[in-house]
């Protein structure tokens, strides 16, 4: 089986694509192609008006995500974060979240207000920071993606029922396309991740 590893072919996948539930593997090497992947991810994030995007959301099994808390190209700070680890959560804060892989679906999620965040940038420099507020929420949301967890899994108790219709619509559309072979089976989709893992993990 031939897998397209051209970064320009990447696009944002939507629920319930199986890669969104895949636990991403740690990255062990960085090359020019991975940097091109990151550039493409920024293009997609800005085009879809997002503030963060995880590699699993573009069908890659790699522990990597990008962030710009302003959501606007040319503003704020662009961050590329490899192999992130969150620790020392403190406080709780409730806020509405959405997700580029569940477009137009929003719900309230309680997350830690302050976290300790450890990761590496594309140059191998370690990042070890205490982060609070909106940026901390983004980091938690995107790290969840790399563990196969979606914000709908963390909805405030009782609010998930309000979104069941929207979530079911995504499920119905995706499975219908699989039945007509417009989308490959879950098994085939997951098998395509191996080429990326062999190269970077």
C-alpha atoms as a PDB file:
ATOM      1  CA  UNK A   1       0.000   0.000   0.000  1.00  0.00           C
ATOM      2  CA  UNK A   2       1.293   3.456  -0.940  1.00  0.00           C
ATOM      3  CA  UNK A   3       0.749   6.259   1.560  1.00  0.00           C
ATOM      4  CA  UNK A   4       0.910   9.908   0.519  1.00  0.00           C
ATOM      5  CA  UNK A   5       3.401  11.620   2.828  1.00  0.00           C
ATOM      6  CA  UNK A   6       3.378  14.926   0.946  1.00  0.00           C
ATOM      7  CA  UNK A   7       2.702  17.688   3.527  1.00  0.00           C
ATOM      8  CA  UNK A   8       0.686  19.704   0.999  1.00  0.00           C
ATOM      9  CA  UNK A   9      -1.920  16.921   0.904  1.00  0.00           C
ATOM     10  CA  UNK A  10      -2.715  17.254   4.606  1.00  0.00           C
ATOM     11  CA  UNK A  11      -6.186  18.377   5.629  1.00  0.00           C
ATOM     12  CA  UNK A  12      -8.149  18.542   8.855  1.00  0.00           C
ATOM     13  CA  UNK A  13     -10.031  15.333   9.591  1.00  0.00           C
ATOM     14  CA  UNK A  14     -13.394  15.355  11.343  1.00  0.00           C
ATOM     15  CA  UNK A  15     -15.139  13.199  13.922  1.00  0.00           C
ATOM     16  CA  UNK A  16     -15.374  10.194  14.072  1.00  0.00           C
ATOM     17  CA  UNK A  17     -12.214   9.580  12.004  1.00  0.00           C
ATOM     18  CA  UNK A  18     -10.304   6.872  13.939  1.00  0.00           C
ATOM     19  CA  UNK A  19      -7.031   8.831  14.089  1.00  0.00           C
ATOM     20  CA  UNK A  20      -8.770  11.279  16.434  1.00  0.00           C
ATOM     21  CA  UNK A  21      -8.858   8.425  18.973  1.00  0.00           C
ATOM     22  CA  UNK A  22      -5.276   7.296  18.321  1.00  0.00           C
ATOM     23  CA  UNK A  23      -2.607   7.778  20.977  1.00  0.00           C
ATOM     24  CA  UNK A  24       0.179   9.619  19.176  1.00  0.00           C
ATOM     25  CA  UNK A  25       3.781   8.404  19.389  1.00  0.00           C
ATOM     26  CA  UNK A  26       6.728  10.510  20.665  1.00  0.00           C
ATOM     27  CA  UNK A  27       8.793  12.184  17.946  1.00  0.00           C
ATOM     28  CA  UNK A  28      12.454  11.150  17.860  1.00  0.00           C
ATOM     29  CA  UNK A  29      13.718  13.095  14.852  1.00  0.00           C
ATOM     30  CA  UNK A  30      13.017  16.328  12.995  1.00  0.00           C
ATOM     31  CA  UNK A  31      13.754  16.871   9.309  1.00  0.00           C
ATOM     32  CA  UNK A  32      12.808  19.256   6.505  1.00  0.00           C
ATOM     33  CA  UNK A  33       9.623  17.331   5.729  1.00  0.00           C
ATOM     34  CA  UNK A  34       8.409  17.569   9.324  1.00  0.00           C
ATOM     35  CA  UNK A  35       9.038  21.328   9.219  1.00  0.00           C
ATOM     36  CA  UNK A  36       6.978  21.434   6.030  1.00  0.00           C
ATOM     37  CA  UNK A  37       4.227  19.534   7.862  1.00  0.00           C
ATOM     38  CA  UNK A  38       4.275  22.185  10.587  1.00  0.00           C
ATOM     39  CA  UNK A  39       4.035  24.978   7.999  1.00  0.00           C
ATOM     40  CA  UNK A  40       1.036  23.256   6.413  1.00  0.00           C
ATOM     41  CA  UNK A  41      -0.595  22.849   9.832  1.00  0.00           C
ATOM     42  CA  UNK A  42      -0.313  26.597  10.428  1.00  0.00           C
ATOM     43  CA  UNK A  43      -1.920  27.235   7.023  1.00  0.00           C
ATOM     44  CA  UNK A  44      -4.825  24.965   7.918  1.00  0.00           C
ATOM     45  CA  UNK A  45      -5.234  26.368  11.425  1.00  0.00           C
ATOM     46  CA  UNK A  46      -5.443  29.956  10.209  1.00  0.00           C
ATOM     47  CA  UNK A  47      -7.720  29.050   7.289  1.00  0.00           C
ATOM     48  CA  UNK A  48     -10.163  27.463   9.748  1.00  0.00           C
ATOM     49  CA  UNK A  49      -9.828  30.267  12.315  1.00  0.00           C
ATOM     50  CA  UNK A  50      -8.325  28.052  15.012  1.00  0.00           C
ATOM     51  CA  UNK A  51      -5.925  28.797  17.865  1.00  0.00           C
ATOM     52  CA  UNK A  52      -4.366  25.327  18.073  1.00  0.00           C
ATOM     53  CA  UNK A  53      -4.049  22.202  15.949  1.00  0.00           C
ATOM     54  CA  UNK A  54      -2.740  18.757  16.862  1.00  0.00           C
ATOM     55  CA  UNK A  55      -0.998  16.401  14.450  1.00  0.00           C
ATOM     56  CA  UNK A  56      -3.696  13.775  14.969  1.00  0.00           C
ATOM     57  CA  UNK A  57      -6.197  16.289  13.544  1.00  0.00           C
ATOM     58  CA  UNK A  58      -4.369  16.148  10.215  1.00  0.00           C
ATOM     59  CA  UNK A  59      -4.189  12.352  10.329  1.00  0.00           C
ATOM     60  CA  UNK A  60      -0.634  12.086  11.679  1.00  0.00           C
ATOM     61  CA  UNK A  61       0.259   9.808  14.621  1.00  0.00           C
ATOM     62  CA  UNK A  62       2.891  12.193  16.023  1.00  0.00           C
ATOM     63  CA  UNK A  63       3.073  13.935  19.421  1.00  0.00           C
ATOM     64  CA  UNK A  64       3.112  17.434  18.027  1.00  0.00           C
ATOM     65  CA  UNK A  65       0.813  20.422  18.070  1.00  0.00           C
ATOM     66  CA  UNK A  66       0.904  24.083  17.113  1.00  0.00           C
ATOM     67  CA  UNK A  67      -0.553  27.128  18.876  1.00  0.00           C
ATOM     68  CA  UNK A  68      -1.190  30.801  18.276  1.00  0.00           C
ATOM     69  CA  UNK A  69      -3.594  32.056  20.909  1.00  0.00           C
ATOM     70  CA  UNK A  70      -4.605  35.042  18.747  1.00  0.00           C
ATOM     71  CA  UNK A  71      -5.738  32.806  15.879  1.00  0.00           C
ATOM     72  CA  UNK A  72      -4.405  35.341  13.371  1.00  0.00           C
ATOM     73  CA  UNK A  73      -1.381  34.952  11.124  1.00  0.00           C
ATOM     74  CA  UNK A  74       1.146  37.725  11.717  1.00  0.00           C
ATOM     75  CA  UNK A  75      -0.148  38.395  15.220  1.00  0.00           C
ATOM     76  CA  UNK A  76       0.775  36.861  18.562  1.00  0.00           C
ATOM     77  CA  UNK A  77       3.335  34.084  18.981  1.00  0.00           C
ATOM     78  CA  UNK A  78       3.430  30.904  16.917  1.00  0.00           C
ATOM     79  CA  UNK A  79       4.501  27.912  18.974  1.00  0.00           C
ATOM     80  CA  UNK A  80       5.436  24.412  17.802  1.00  0.00           C
ATOM     81  CA  UNK A  81       5.411  21.875  20.627  1.00  0.00           C
ATOM     82  CA  UNK A  82       6.804  18.349  20.428  1.00  0.00           C
ATOM     83  CA  UNK A  83       6.285  15.565  22.979  1.00  0.00           C
ATOM     84  CA  UNK A  84       4.315  17.721  25.442  1.00  0.00           C
ATOM     85  CA  UNK A  85       3.835  16.740  29.082  1.00  0.00           C
ATOM     86  CA  UNK A  86       1.449  18.508  31.466  1.00  0.00           C
ATOM     87  CA  UNK A  87       1.895  18.385  35.238  1.00  0.00           C
ATOM     88  CA  UNK A  88       1.022  20.253  38.439  1.00  0.00           C
ATOM     89  CA  UNK A  89      -2.496  21.372  37.505  1.00  0.00           C
ATOM     90  CA  UNK A  90      -3.880  24.017  39.871  1.00  0.00           C
ATOM     91  CA  UNK A  91      -7.298  25.589  40.174  1.00  0.00           C
ATOM     92  CA  UNK A  92     -10.338  25.045  37.978  1.00  0.00           C
ATOM     93  CA  UNK A  93     -11.879  27.224  35.327  1.00  0.00           C
ATOM     94  CA  UNK A  94     -14.932  26.644  33.145  1.00  0.00           C
ATOM     95  CA  UNK A  95     -15.139  27.984  29.594  1.00  0.00           C
ATOM     96  CA  UNK A  96     -16.677  27.191  26.235  1.00  0.00           C
ATOM     97  CA  UNK A  97     -14.568  25.168  23.817  1.00  0.00           C
ATOM     98  CA  UNK A  98     -14.848  24.129  20.209  1.00  0.00           C
ATOM     99  CA  UNK A  99     -12.722  21.987  17.916  1.00  0.00           C
ATOM    100  CA  UNK A 100     -11.704  22.158  14.269  1.00  0.00           C
ATOM    101  CA  UNK A 101     -12.460  18.427  14.002  1.00  0.00           C
ATOM    102  CA  UNK A 102     -16.014  19.043  15.239  1.00  0.00           C
ATOM    103  CA  UNK A 103     -16.899  22.245  13.377  1.00  0.00           C
ATOM    104  CA  UNK A 104     -19.693  24.365  14.831  1.00  0.00           C
ATOM    105  CA  UNK A 105     -19.961  22.221  17.973  1.00  0.00           C
ATOM    106  CA  UNK A 106     -19.305  23.998  21.279  1.00  0.00           C
ATOM    107  CA  UNK A 107     -19.641  23.133  24.944  1.00  0.00           C
ATOM    108  CA  UNK A 108     -18.424  24.105  28.397  1.00  0.00           C
ATOM    109  CA  UNK A 109     -15.373  22.287  29.745  1.00  0.00           C
ATOM    110  CA  UNK A 110     -13.748  22.576  33.180  1.00  0.00           C
ATOM    111  CA  UNK A 111      -9.952  22.570  33.007  1.00  0.00           C
ATOM    112  CA  UNK A 112      -7.024  23.449  35.246  1.00  0.00           C
ATOM    113  CA  UNK A 113      -6.432  27.194  35.419  1.00  0.00           C
ATOM    114  CA  UNK A 114      -2.645  26.818  35.744  1.00  0.00           C
ATOM    115  CA  UNK A 115      -0.378  24.006  34.537  1.00  0.00           C
ATOM    116  CA  UNK A 116       3.298  23.145  34.286  1.00  0.00           C
ATOM    117  CA  UNK A 117       4.094  22.511  30.642  1.00  0.00           C
ATOM    118  CA  UNK A 118       7.139  20.669  29.289  1.00  0.00           C
ATOM    119  CA  UNK A 119       7.891  20.096  25.593  1.00  0.00           C
ATOM    120  CA  UNK A 120      10.504  20.655  22.874  1.00  0.00           C
ATOM    121  CA  UNK A 121      10.543  23.001  19.913  1.00  0.00           C
ATOM    122  CA  UNK A 122      11.589  22.112  16.361  1.00  0.00           C
ATOM    123  CA  UNK A 123      15.214  22.954  17.181  1.00  0.00           C
ATOM    124  CA  UNK A 124      15.323  20.534  20.101  1.00  0.00           C
ATOM    125  CA  UNK A 125      15.206  23.281  22.729  1.00  0.00           C
ATOM    126  CA  UNK A 126      13.358  22.310  25.881  1.00  0.00           C
ATOM    127  CA  UNK A 127      10.335  24.338  26.960  1.00  0.00           C
ATOM    128  CA  UNK A 128       9.482  24.209  30.661  1.00  0.00           C
ATOM    129  CA  UNK A 129       6.948  26.819  31.749  1.00  0.00           C
ATOM    130  CA  UNK A 130       4.094  27.548  34.094  1.00  0.00           C
ATOM    131  CA  UNK A 131       1.123  28.592  31.962  1.00  0.00           C
ATOM    132  CA  UNK A 132      -2.241  30.035  33.000  1.00  0.00           C
ATOM    133  CA  UNK A 133      -5.530  31.164  31.520  1.00  0.00           C
ATOM    134  CA  UNK A 134      -6.513  30.803  27.873  1.00  0.00           C
ATOM    135  CA  UNK A 135      -3.120  29.503  26.738  1.00  0.00           C
ATOM    136  CA  UNK A 136      -3.206  26.818  29.434  1.00  0.00           C
ATOM    137  CA  UNK A 137      -6.628  25.754  28.160  1.00  0.00           C
ATOM    138  CA  UNK A 138      -5.316  25.487  24.600  1.00  0.00           C
ATOM    139  CA  UNK A 139      -2.335  23.402  25.766  1.00  0.00           C
ATOM    140  CA  UNK A 140      -4.637  21.027  27.661  1.00  0.00           C
ATOM    141  CA  UNK A 141      -7.070  20.741  24.747  1.00  0.00           C
ATOM    142  CA  UNK A 142      -4.311  19.970  22.219  1.00  0.00           C
ATOM    143  CA  UNK A 143      -2.442  17.566  24.520  1.00  0.00           C
ATOM    144  CA  UNK A 144      -5.740  15.728  24.981  1.00  0.00           C
ATOM    145  CA  UNK A 145      -5.895  15.304  21.197  1.00  0.00           C
ATOM    146  CA  UNK A 146      -2.530  13.522  21.247  1.00  0.00           C
ATOM    147  CA  UNK A 147      -3.959  11.078  23.789  1.00  0.00           C
ATOM    148  CA  UNK A 148      -7.084  10.411  21.716  1.00  0.00           C
ATOM    149  CA  UNK A 149      -9.333  12.513  23.935  1.00  0.00           C
ATOM    150  CA  UNK A 150     -11.767  15.082  22.521  1.00  0.00           C
ATOM    151  CA  UNK A 151     -13.338  18.028  24.300  1.00  0.00           C
ATOM    152  CA  UNK A 152     -16.740  16.335  24.031  1.00  0.00           C
ATOM    153  CA  UNK A 153     -15.372  13.675  26.397  1.00  0.00           C
ATOM    154  CA  UNK A 154     -14.878  16.395  29.029  1.00  0.00           C
ATOM    155  CA  UNK A 155     -18.132  18.298  28.698  1.00  0.00           C
ATOM    156  CA  UNK A 156     -19.673  19.635  31.858  1.00  0.00           C
ATOM    157  CA  UNK A 157     -22.009  17.010  33.291  1.00  0.00           C
ATOM    158  CA  UNK A 158     -25.470  17.295  31.803  1.00  0.00           C
ATOM    159  CA  UNK A 159     -24.436  19.396  28.798  1.00  0.00           C
ATOM    160  CA  UNK A 160     -23.449  16.494  26.551  1.00  0.00           C
ATOM    161  CA  UNK A 161     -27.113  15.684  25.828  1.00  0.00           C
ATOM    162  CA  UNK A 162     -27.510  19.077  24.130  1.00  0.00           C
ATOM    163  CA  UNK A 163     -24.898  18.115  21.539  1.00  0.00           C
ATOM    164  CA  UNK A 164     -25.961  14.533  20.842  1.00  0.00           C
ATOM    165  CA  UNK A 165     -27.790  15.487  17.639  1.00  0.00           C
ATOM    166  CA  UNK A 166     -24.743  17.273  16.206  1.00  0.00           C
ATOM    167  CA  UNK A 167     -22.382  14.467  17.192  1.00  0.00           C
ATOM    168  CA  UNK A 168     -24.706  11.805  15.763  1.00  0.00           C
ATOM    169  CA  UNK A 169     -24.864  13.737  12.474  1.00  0.00           C
ATOM    170  CA  UNK A 170     -21.058  13.592  12.154  1.00  0.00           C
ATOM    171  CA  UNK A 171     -21.131   9.859  12.908  1.00  0.00           C
ATOM    172  CA  UNK A 172     -23.911   9.147  10.414  1.00  0.00           C
ATOM    173  CA  UNK A 173     -22.229  11.096   7.616  1.00  0.00           C
ATOM    174  CA  UNK A 174     -18.832   9.473   8.163  1.00  0.00           C
ATOM    175  CA  UNK A 175     -20.158   5.891   8.334  1.00  0.00           C
ATOM    176  CA  UNK A 176     -22.348   6.484   5.290  1.00  0.00           C
ATOM    177  CA  UNK A 177     -19.285   7.533   3.284  1.00  0.00           C
ATOM    178  CA  UNK A 178     -17.451   4.429   4.480  1.00  0.00           C
ATOM    179  CA  UNK A 179     -20.299   2.210   3.311  1.00  0.00           C
ATOM    180  CA  UNK A 180     -20.047   3.706  -0.180  1.00  0.00           C
ATOM    181  CA  UNK A 181     -16.211   3.461  -0.107  1.00  0.00           C
ATOM    182  CA  UNK A 182     -15.860   7.250  -0.339  1.00  0.00           C
ATOM    183  CA  UNK A 183     -13.852   6.889   2.883  1.00  0.00           C
ATOM    184  CA  UNK A 184     -11.712   3.845   3.711  1.00  0.00           C
ATOM    185  CA  UNK A 185     -12.495   1.546   6.638  1.00  0.00           C
ATOM    186  CA  UNK A 186     -11.189   2.382  10.094  1.00  0.00           C
ATOM    187  CA  UNK A 187      -8.661  -0.434   9.808  1.00  0.00           C
ATOM    188  CA  UNK A 188      -7.308   0.865   6.491  1.00  0.00           C
ATOM    189  CA  UNK A 189      -7.133   4.436   7.779  1.00  0.00           C
ATOM    190  CA  UNK A 190      -5.160   3.421  10.861  1.00  0.00           C
ATOM    191  CA  UNK A 191      -2.813   1.212   8.846  1.00  0.00           C
ATOM    192  CA  UNK A 192      -1.717   4.308   6.897  1.00  0.00           C
ATOM    193  CA  UNK A 193      -0.200   5.810  10.048  1.00  0.00           C
ATOM    194  CA  UNK A 194       2.639   3.276  10.110  1.00  0.00           C
ATOM    195  CA  UNK A 195       4.719   5.065   7.443  1.00  0.00           C
ATOM    196  CA  UNK A 196       4.818   8.237   9.544  1.00  0.00           C
ATOM    197  CA  UNK A 197       5.655   6.315  12.720  1.00  0.00           C
ATOM    198  CA  UNK A 198       8.513   4.494  11.019  1.00  0.00           C
ATOM    199  CA  UNK A 199       9.992   7.780   9.892  1.00  0.00           C
ATOM    200  CA  UNK A 200       9.673   9.896  13.028  1.00  0.00           C
ATOM    201  CA  UNK A 201       8.995   7.697  16.060  1.00  0.00           C
END
